[in-house]
């Protein structure tokens, strides 16, 4: 069976989770909260609390308010809310950014703030693919992604969670040119990439063969795990 190409992950989320029955949502490591913003526009009964540790991104989020979307500067390993507050937790390419020695603590915190039978939707990039080969020249995430996967597997076998679903998909990624790749993937706020000239040139040389008349096209392999609080 071929891996499906998903252009809108919100469609995938809605196929797995009845959002009308899970209106109180927390997104951990929300970044700019793009999916949550789309979710709120589509689901008028939902309310989202977005947690973000990066000070610059958190400040940007406060300048771009939206009804029923609330931002808190905090990490998944120390969620500043009472127990059983939320119906659904989202981690979208963020679990592997949690400090490795705090992964189990983060999952325990999420378990704490979810209501009984609440759901945790974890979407993580798989360490594979052409784009990954470009990225690993300056930002090799093999170790942290493997640790995140182990944490999910251990949670699923711990008795605290049951795994509802696991699926793999691919998502398209497009850059107009190397300058856009550099702006989106190197000059980011949440990590300090200081590339010397030699490394930057190596990244460019690995990127350029993917350029076409309308830019560089990649697919990013992804894995989703949906866990239910026991």
C-alpha atoms as a PDB file:
ATOM      1  CA  UNK A   1       0.000   0.000   0.000  1.00  0.00           C
ATOM      2  CA  UNK A   2       1.389   3.398  -0.996  1.00  0.00           C
ATOM      3  CA  UNK A   3       1.886   6.134   1.566  1.00  0.00           C
ATOM      4  CA  UNK A   4      -0.840   8.785   1.183  1.00  0.00           C
ATOM      5  CA  UNK A   5       0.093  12.354   0.294  1.00  0.00           C
ATOM      6  CA  UNK A   6      -1.634  14.718   2.726  1.00  0.00           C
ATOM      7  CA  UNK A   7      -1.741  18.409   1.837  1.00  0.00           C
ATOM      8  CA  UNK A   8      -3.896  19.485   4.802  1.00  0.00           C
ATOM      9  CA  UNK A   9      -3.148  17.776   8.106  1.00  0.00           C
ATOM     10  CA  UNK A  10      -6.309  19.209   9.626  1.00  0.00           C
ATOM     11  CA  UNK A  11      -8.267  16.898   7.307  1.00  0.00           C
ATOM     12  CA  UNK A  12      -6.272  13.969   8.677  1.00  0.00           C
ATOM     13  CA  UNK A  13      -6.844  15.092  12.273  1.00  0.00           C
ATOM     14  CA  UNK A  14     -10.580  15.359  11.662  1.00  0.00           C
ATOM     15  CA  UNK A  15     -10.646  11.888  10.136  1.00  0.00           C
ATOM     16  CA  UNK A  16      -9.195  10.479  13.371  1.00  0.00           C
ATOM     17  CA  UNK A  17     -10.759  12.713  16.040  1.00  0.00           C
ATOM     18  CA  UNK A  18     -14.331  13.932  16.484  1.00  0.00           C
ATOM     19  CA  UNK A  19     -13.463  17.550  17.244  1.00  0.00           C
ATOM     20  CA  UNK A  20     -17.047  18.391  18.203  1.00  0.00           C
ATOM     21  CA  UNK A  21     -16.666  15.976  21.131  1.00  0.00           C
ATOM     22  CA  UNK A  22     -13.198  17.263  22.037  1.00  0.00           C
ATOM     23  CA  UNK A  23     -13.666  21.051  22.135  1.00  0.00           C
ATOM     24  CA  UNK A  24     -11.068  22.005  24.765  1.00  0.00           C
ATOM     25  CA  UNK A  25      -7.701  21.661  23.040  1.00  0.00           C
ATOM     26  CA  UNK A  26      -4.113  22.305  24.092  1.00  0.00           C
ATOM     27  CA  UNK A  27      -1.309  22.520  21.524  1.00  0.00           C
ATOM     28  CA  UNK A  28       2.186  21.935  22.924  1.00  0.00           C
ATOM     29  CA  UNK A  29       5.015  23.697  21.101  1.00  0.00           C
ATOM     30  CA  UNK A  30       2.513  25.544  18.962  1.00  0.00           C
ATOM     31  CA  UNK A  31       4.899  27.781  16.990  1.00  0.00           C
ATOM     32  CA  UNK A  32       2.693  30.136  14.982  1.00  0.00           C
ATOM     33  CA  UNK A  33      -0.288  27.811  15.650  1.00  0.00           C
ATOM     34  CA  UNK A  34      -1.179  27.590  11.973  1.00  0.00           C
ATOM     35  CA  UNK A  35      -3.154  24.350  12.208  1.00  0.00           C
ATOM     36  CA  UNK A  36      -4.925  25.489  15.371  1.00  0.00           C
ATOM     37  CA  UNK A  37      -5.940  28.736  13.688  1.00  0.00           C
ATOM     38  CA  UNK A  38      -7.407  26.758  10.788  1.00  0.00           C
ATOM     39  CA  UNK A  39      -9.124  24.393  13.213  1.00  0.00           C
ATOM     40  CA  UNK A  40     -10.838  27.252  15.034  1.00  0.00           C
ATOM     41  CA  UNK A  41     -12.085  28.717  11.754  1.00  0.00           C
ATOM     42  CA  UNK A  42     -13.545  25.333  10.827  1.00  0.00           C
ATOM     43  CA  UNK A  43     -14.837  24.263  14.262  1.00  0.00           C
ATOM     44  CA  UNK A  44     -16.761  27.060  16.041  1.00  0.00           C
ATOM     45  CA  UNK A  45     -17.219  25.037  19.252  1.00  0.00           C
ATOM     46  CA  UNK A  46     -13.489  24.531  19.758  1.00  0.00           C
ATOM     47  CA  UNK A  47     -11.147  26.521  21.983  1.00  0.00           C
ATOM     48  CA  UNK A  48      -7.343  26.195  21.805  1.00  0.00           C
ATOM     49  CA  UNK A  49      -4.620  27.014  24.314  1.00  0.00           C
ATOM     50  CA  UNK A  50      -1.226  27.185  22.625  1.00  0.00           C
ATOM     51  CA  UNK A  51       1.963  26.660  24.648  1.00  0.00           C
ATOM     52  CA  UNK A  52       5.237  27.968  23.220  1.00  0.00           C
ATOM     53  CA  UNK A  53       8.638  28.209  24.919  1.00  0.00           C
ATOM     54  CA  UNK A  54      10.377  30.426  22.348  1.00  0.00           C
ATOM     55  CA  UNK A  55      10.147  34.029  23.539  1.00  0.00           C
ATOM     56  CA  UNK A  56      10.272  35.589  20.067  1.00  0.00           C
ATOM     57  CA  UNK A  57       7.575  33.336  18.648  1.00  0.00           C
ATOM     58  CA  UNK A  58       5.418  33.803  21.738  1.00  0.00           C
ATOM     59  CA  UNK A  59       5.660  37.598  21.319  1.00  0.00           C
ATOM     60  CA  UNK A  60       4.684  37.294  17.654  1.00  0.00           C
ATOM     61  CA  UNK A  61       1.667  35.178  18.616  1.00  0.00           C
ATOM     62  CA  UNK A  62       0.436  37.842  21.029  1.00  0.00           C
ATOM     63  CA  UNK A  63       0.528  40.363  18.174  1.00  0.00           C
ATOM     64  CA  UNK A  64      -1.706  38.106  16.052  1.00  0.00           C
ATOM     65  CA  UNK A  65      -4.705  37.334  18.284  1.00  0.00           C
ATOM     66  CA  UNK A  66      -7.680  35.240  17.299  1.00  0.00           C
ATOM     67  CA  UNK A  67     -10.930  34.498  19.077  1.00  0.00           C
ATOM     68  CA  UNK A  68     -10.889  31.315  21.178  1.00  0.00           C
ATOM     69  CA  UNK A  69      -7.087  31.048  20.845  1.00  0.00           C
ATOM     70  CA  UNK A  70      -5.023  31.686  23.987  1.00  0.00           C
ATOM     71  CA  UNK A  71      -1.232  31.677  24.259  1.00  0.00           C
ATOM     72  CA  UNK A  72       0.905  30.741  27.248  1.00  0.00           C
ATOM     73  CA  UNK A  73       4.700  30.771  27.420  1.00  0.00           C
ATOM     74  CA  UNK A  74       5.480  27.314  28.799  1.00  0.00           C
ATOM     75  CA  UNK A  75       6.765  23.895  27.810  1.00  0.00           C
ATOM     76  CA  UNK A  76       5.099  20.502  27.688  1.00  0.00           C
ATOM     77  CA  UNK A  77       7.202  19.289  30.608  1.00  0.00           C
ATOM     78  CA  UNK A  78       5.600  21.862  32.970  1.00  0.00           C
ATOM     79  CA  UNK A  79       2.033  22.639  31.882  1.00  0.00           C
ATOM     80  CA  UNK A  80       0.593  25.464  34.048  1.00  0.00           C
ATOM     81  CA  UNK A  81      -2.983  24.139  34.200  1.00  0.00           C
ATOM     82  CA  UNK A  82      -4.995  22.028  36.582  1.00  0.00           C
ATOM     83  CA  UNK A  83      -5.635  18.334  36.059  1.00  0.00           C
ATOM     84  CA  UNK A  84      -8.273  17.148  33.572  1.00  0.00           C
ATOM     85  CA  UNK A  85      -8.652  20.541  31.886  1.00  0.00           C
ATOM     86  CA  UNK A  86      -8.491  19.481  28.211  1.00  0.00           C
ATOM     87  CA  UNK A  87     -10.149  16.996  25.848  1.00  0.00           C
ATOM     88  CA  UNK A  88      -7.401  16.863  23.218  1.00  0.00           C
ATOM     89  CA  UNK A  89      -3.678  17.582  23.123  1.00  0.00           C
ATOM     90  CA  UNK A  90      -1.769  18.270  19.915  1.00  0.00           C
ATOM     91  CA  UNK A  91       1.961  17.933  19.334  1.00  0.00           C
ATOM     92  CA  UNK A  92       2.780  18.847  15.735  1.00  0.00           C
ATOM     93  CA  UNK A  93       6.469  18.246  14.965  1.00  0.00           C
ATOM     94  CA  UNK A  94       7.237  19.360  18.526  1.00  0.00           C
ATOM     95  CA  UNK A  95       7.789  16.258  20.661  1.00  0.00           C
ATOM     96  CA  UNK A  96      11.388  15.837  19.471  1.00  0.00           C
ATOM     97  CA  UNK A  97      12.117  19.423  20.585  1.00  0.00           C
ATOM     98  CA  UNK A  98      11.419  18.550  24.229  1.00  0.00           C
ATOM     99  CA  UNK A  99      14.692  18.055  26.153  1.00  0.00           C
ATOM    100  CA  UNK A 100      15.516  14.364  25.990  1.00  0.00           C
ATOM    101  CA  UNK A 101      15.677  13.939  29.746  1.00  0.00           C
ATOM    102  CA  UNK A 102      12.181  15.446  30.076  1.00  0.00           C
ATOM    103  CA  UNK A 103      10.283  13.482  27.405  1.00  0.00           C
ATOM    104  CA  UNK A 104       8.631  11.122  29.885  1.00  0.00           C
ATOM    105  CA  UNK A 105       7.803  14.072  32.148  1.00  0.00           C
ATOM    106  CA  UNK A 106       6.157  15.897  29.228  1.00  0.00           C
ATOM    107  CA  UNK A 107       3.972  12.893  28.400  1.00  0.00           C
ATOM    108  CA  UNK A 108       3.077  12.531  32.078  1.00  0.00           C
ATOM    109  CA  UNK A 109       2.094  16.210  32.207  1.00  0.00           C
ATOM    110  CA  UNK A 110      -0.082  15.843  29.114  1.00  0.00           C
ATOM    111  CA  UNK A 111      -1.711  12.785  30.679  1.00  0.00           C
ATOM    112  CA  UNK A 112      -2.395  14.831  33.825  1.00  0.00           C
ATOM    113  CA  UNK A 113      -4.164  17.718  32.087  1.00  0.00           C
ATOM    114  CA  UNK A 114      -6.291  15.520  29.822  1.00  0.00           C
ATOM    115  CA  UNK A 115      -9.723  14.441  30.914  1.00  0.00           C
ATOM    116  CA  UNK A 116     -10.474  10.711  31.190  1.00  0.00           C
ATOM    117  CA  UNK A 117     -10.369   9.181  27.684  1.00  0.00           C
ATOM    118  CA  UNK A 118      -8.833  12.403  26.377  1.00  0.00           C
ATOM    119  CA  UNK A 119      -6.736  12.108  23.238  1.00  0.00           C
ATOM    120  CA  UNK A 120      -3.127  12.954  22.398  1.00  0.00           C
ATOM    121  CA  UNK A 121      -2.357  13.476  18.697  1.00  0.00           C
ATOM    122  CA  UNK A 122       1.382  13.336  17.982  1.00  0.00           C
ATOM    123  CA  UNK A 123       2.623  14.139  14.470  1.00  0.00           C
ATOM    124  CA  UNK A 124       6.360  13.666  13.982  1.00  0.00           C
ATOM    125  CA  UNK A 125       8.678  13.785  10.946  1.00  0.00           C
ATOM    126  CA  UNK A 126      10.305  10.487  10.027  1.00  0.00           C
ATOM    127  CA  UNK A 127      14.084  10.641   9.687  1.00  0.00           C
ATOM    128  CA  UNK A 128      14.169   9.899   5.966  1.00  0.00           C
ATOM    129  CA  UNK A 129      13.787  11.537   2.566  1.00  0.00           C
ATOM    130  CA  UNK A 130      15.597  13.974   0.302  1.00  0.00           C
ATOM    131  CA  UNK A 131      14.757  17.065   2.359  1.00  0.00           C
ATOM    132  CA  UNK A 132      16.071  15.323   5.449  1.00  0.00           C
ATOM    133  CA  UNK A 133      19.368  14.723   3.646  1.00  0.00           C
ATOM    134  CA  UNK A 134      19.677  18.474   3.061  1.00  0.00           C
ATOM    135  CA  UNK A 135      18.716  19.377   6.618  1.00  0.00           C
ATOM    136  CA  UNK A 136      21.013  16.903   8.341  1.00  0.00           C
ATOM    137  CA  UNK A 137      24.072  18.748   7.014  1.00  0.00           C
ATOM    138  CA  UNK A 138      23.452  21.452   9.606  1.00  0.00           C
ATOM    139  CA  UNK A 139      20.652  20.139  11.820  1.00  0.00           C
ATOM    140  CA  UNK A 140      20.857  16.383  12.308  1.00  0.00           C
ATOM    141  CA  UNK A 141      17.805  15.283  14.300  1.00  0.00           C
ATOM    142  CA  UNK A 142      18.299  11.525  14.068  1.00  0.00           C
ATOM    143  CA  UNK A 143      18.985  11.121  17.798  1.00  0.00           C
ATOM    144  CA  UNK A 144      16.147  13.325  19.075  1.00  0.00           C
ATOM    145  CA  UNK A 145      13.559  11.901  16.695  1.00  0.00           C
ATOM    146  CA  UNK A 146      14.496   8.358  17.695  1.00  0.00           C
ATOM    147  CA  UNK A 147      14.180   9.351  21.355  1.00  0.00           C
ATOM    148  CA  UNK A 148      10.752  10.884  20.720  1.00  0.00           C
ATOM    149  CA  UNK A 149       9.571   7.693  19.027  1.00  0.00           C
ATOM    150  CA  UNK A 150      10.833   5.574  21.923  1.00  0.00           C
ATOM    151  CA  UNK A 151       8.988   7.843  24.365  1.00  0.00           C
ATOM    152  CA  UNK A 152       5.740   7.379  22.432  1.00  0.00           C
ATOM    153  CA  UNK A 153       6.205   3.604  22.286  1.00  0.00           C
ATOM    154  CA  UNK A 154       6.994   3.428  25.998  1.00  0.00           C
ATOM    155  CA  UNK A 155       3.927   5.532  26.795  1.00  0.00           C
ATOM    156  CA  UNK A 156       1.758   3.223  24.716  1.00  0.00           C
ATOM    157  CA  UNK A 157       2.980   0.174  26.628  1.00  0.00           C
ATOM    158  CA  UNK A 158       2.964   1.810  30.082  1.00  0.00           C
ATOM    159  CA  UNK A 159      -0.685   1.200  30.859  1.00  0.00           C
ATOM    160  CA  UNK A 160      -1.382   4.930  31.181  1.00  0.00           C
ATOM    161  CA  UNK A 161      -2.290   5.226  27.492  1.00  0.00           C
ATOM    162  CA  UNK A 162      -3.781   3.076  24.790  1.00  0.00           C
ATOM    163  CA  UNK A 163      -2.802   3.600  21.165  1.00  0.00           C
ATOM    164  CA  UNK A 164      -5.848   4.302  19.029  1.00  0.00           C
ATOM    165  CA  UNK A 165      -4.071   4.663  15.707  1.00  0.00           C
ATOM    166  CA  UNK A 166      -0.682   4.864  14.043  1.00  0.00           C
ATOM    167  CA  UNK A 167      -0.318   5.912  10.441  1.00  0.00           C
ATOM    168  CA  UNK A 168       2.268   7.192   8.014  1.00  0.00           C
ATOM    169  CA  UNK A 169       1.824   9.848   5.361  1.00  0.00           C
ATOM    170  CA  UNK A 170       3.812  12.285   3.266  1.00  0.00           C
ATOM    171  CA  UNK A 171       3.340  16.020   3.072  1.00  0.00           C
ATOM    172  CA  UNK A 172       4.544  18.206   0.185  1.00  0.00           C
ATOM    173  CA  UNK A 173       7.131  20.913   0.857  1.00  0.00           C
ATOM    174  CA  UNK A 174       7.980  23.619  -1.686  1.00  0.00           C
ATOM    175  CA  UNK A 175      10.614  26.361  -1.762  1.00  0.00           C
ATOM    176  CA  UNK A 176      10.774  29.002  -4.492  1.00  0.00           C
ATOM    177  CA  UNK A 177      14.564  28.967  -4.316  1.00  0.00           C
ATOM    178  CA  UNK A 178      17.470  28.444  -1.944  1.00  0.00           C
ATOM    179  CA  UNK A 179      16.938  31.898  -0.435  1.00  0.00           C
ATOM    180  CA  UNK A 180      13.491  30.870   0.769  1.00  0.00           C
ATOM    181  CA  UNK A 181      14.852  27.591   2.129  1.00  0.00           C
ATOM    182  CA  UNK A 182      17.505  29.561   4.019  1.00  0.00           C
ATOM    183  CA  UNK A 183      14.927  31.965   5.431  1.00  0.00           C
ATOM    184  CA  UNK A 184      12.467  29.255   6.527  1.00  0.00           C
ATOM    185  CA  UNK A 185      14.826  26.509   7.673  1.00  0.00           C
ATOM    186  CA  UNK A 186      18.096  28.162   8.738  1.00  0.00           C
ATOM    187  CA  UNK A 187      17.132  31.641   9.982  1.00  0.00           C
ATOM    188  CA  UNK A 188      14.582  30.401  12.527  1.00  0.00           C
ATOM    189  CA  UNK A 189      14.017  31.778  16.012  1.00  0.00           C
ATOM    190  CA  UNK A 190      13.801  28.598  18.076  1.00  0.00           C
ATOM    191  CA  UNK A 191      17.312  27.309  17.288  1.00  0.00           C
ATOM    192  CA  UNK A 192      20.562  29.112  16.561  1.00  0.00           C
ATOM    193  CA  UNK A 193      22.017  27.852  13.280  1.00  0.00           C
ATOM    194  CA  UNK A 194      25.371  29.551  12.732  1.00  0.00           C
ATOM    195  CA  UNK A 195      26.603  28.074   9.465  1.00  0.00           C
ATOM    196  CA  UNK A 196      30.123  28.738   8.309  1.00  0.00           C
ATOM    197  CA  UNK A 197      30.689  29.404   4.613  1.00  0.00           C
ATOM    198  CA  UNK A 198      31.793  25.840   3.886  1.00  0.00           C
ATOM    199  CA  UNK A 199      28.715  24.278   5.487  1.00  0.00           C
ATOM    200  CA  UNK A 200      26.358  26.741   3.829  1.00  0.00           C
ATOM    201  CA  UNK A 201      27.886  25.929   0.446  1.00  0.00           C
ATOM    202  CA  UNK A 202      27.498  22.185   1.093  1.00  0.00           C
ATOM    203  CA  UNK A 203      23.828  22.713   1.958  1.00  0.00           C
ATOM    204  CA  UNK A 204      23.318  24.756  -1.204  1.00  0.00           C
ATOM    205  CA  UNK A 205      24.986  22.092  -3.351  1.00  0.00           C
ATOM    206  CA  UNK A 206      22.745  19.369  -1.929  1.00  0.00           C
ATOM    207  CA  UNK A 207      19.646  21.550  -2.347  1.00  0.00           C
ATOM    208  CA  UNK A 208      20.204  22.855  -5.880  1.00  0.00           C
ATOM    209  CA  UNK A 209      19.705  19.542  -7.781  1.00  0.00           C
ATOM    210  CA  UNK A 210      16.077  19.586  -6.594  1.00  0.00           C
ATOM    211  CA  UNK A 211      15.386  22.949  -8.239  1.00  0.00           C
ATOM    212  CA  UNK A 212      12.970  23.013 -11.184  1.00  0.00           C
ATOM    213  CA  UNK A 213      11.424  25.838 -13.178  1.00  0.00           C
ATOM    214  CA  UNK A 214       8.948  26.482 -10.376  1.00  0.00           C
ATOM    215  CA  UNK A 215      11.204  25.842  -7.401  1.00  0.00           C
ATOM    216  CA  UNK A 216      12.276  22.855  -5.321  1.00  0.00           C
ATOM    217  CA  UNK A 217       9.690  20.207  -4.483  1.00  0.00           C
ATOM    218  CA  UNK A 218      10.105  17.679  -1.679  1.00  0.00           C
ATOM    219  CA  UNK A 219       7.891  15.313   0.298  1.00  0.00           C
ATOM    220  CA  UNK A 220       8.361  14.979   4.037  1.00  0.00           C
ATOM    221  CA  UNK A 221       7.548  11.525   5.490  1.00  0.00           C
ATOM    222  CA  UNK A 222       5.471  11.783   8.652  1.00  0.00           C
ATOM    223  CA  UNK A 223       4.122   9.489  11.372  1.00  0.00           C
ATOM    224  CA  UNK A 224       1.012  10.083  13.489  1.00  0.00           C
ATOM    225  CA  UNK A 225       0.314   8.358  16.781  1.00  0.00           C
ATOM    226  CA  UNK A 226      -3.071   8.857  18.415  1.00  0.00           C
ATOM    227  CA  UNK A 227      -3.129   7.896  22.103  1.00  0.00           C
ATOM    228  CA  UNK A 228      -6.065   7.781  24.504  1.00  0.00           C
ATOM    229  CA  UNK A 229      -5.715   8.407  28.228  1.00  0.00           C
ATOM    230  CA  UNK A 230      -6.726   5.332  30.204  1.00  0.00           C
END
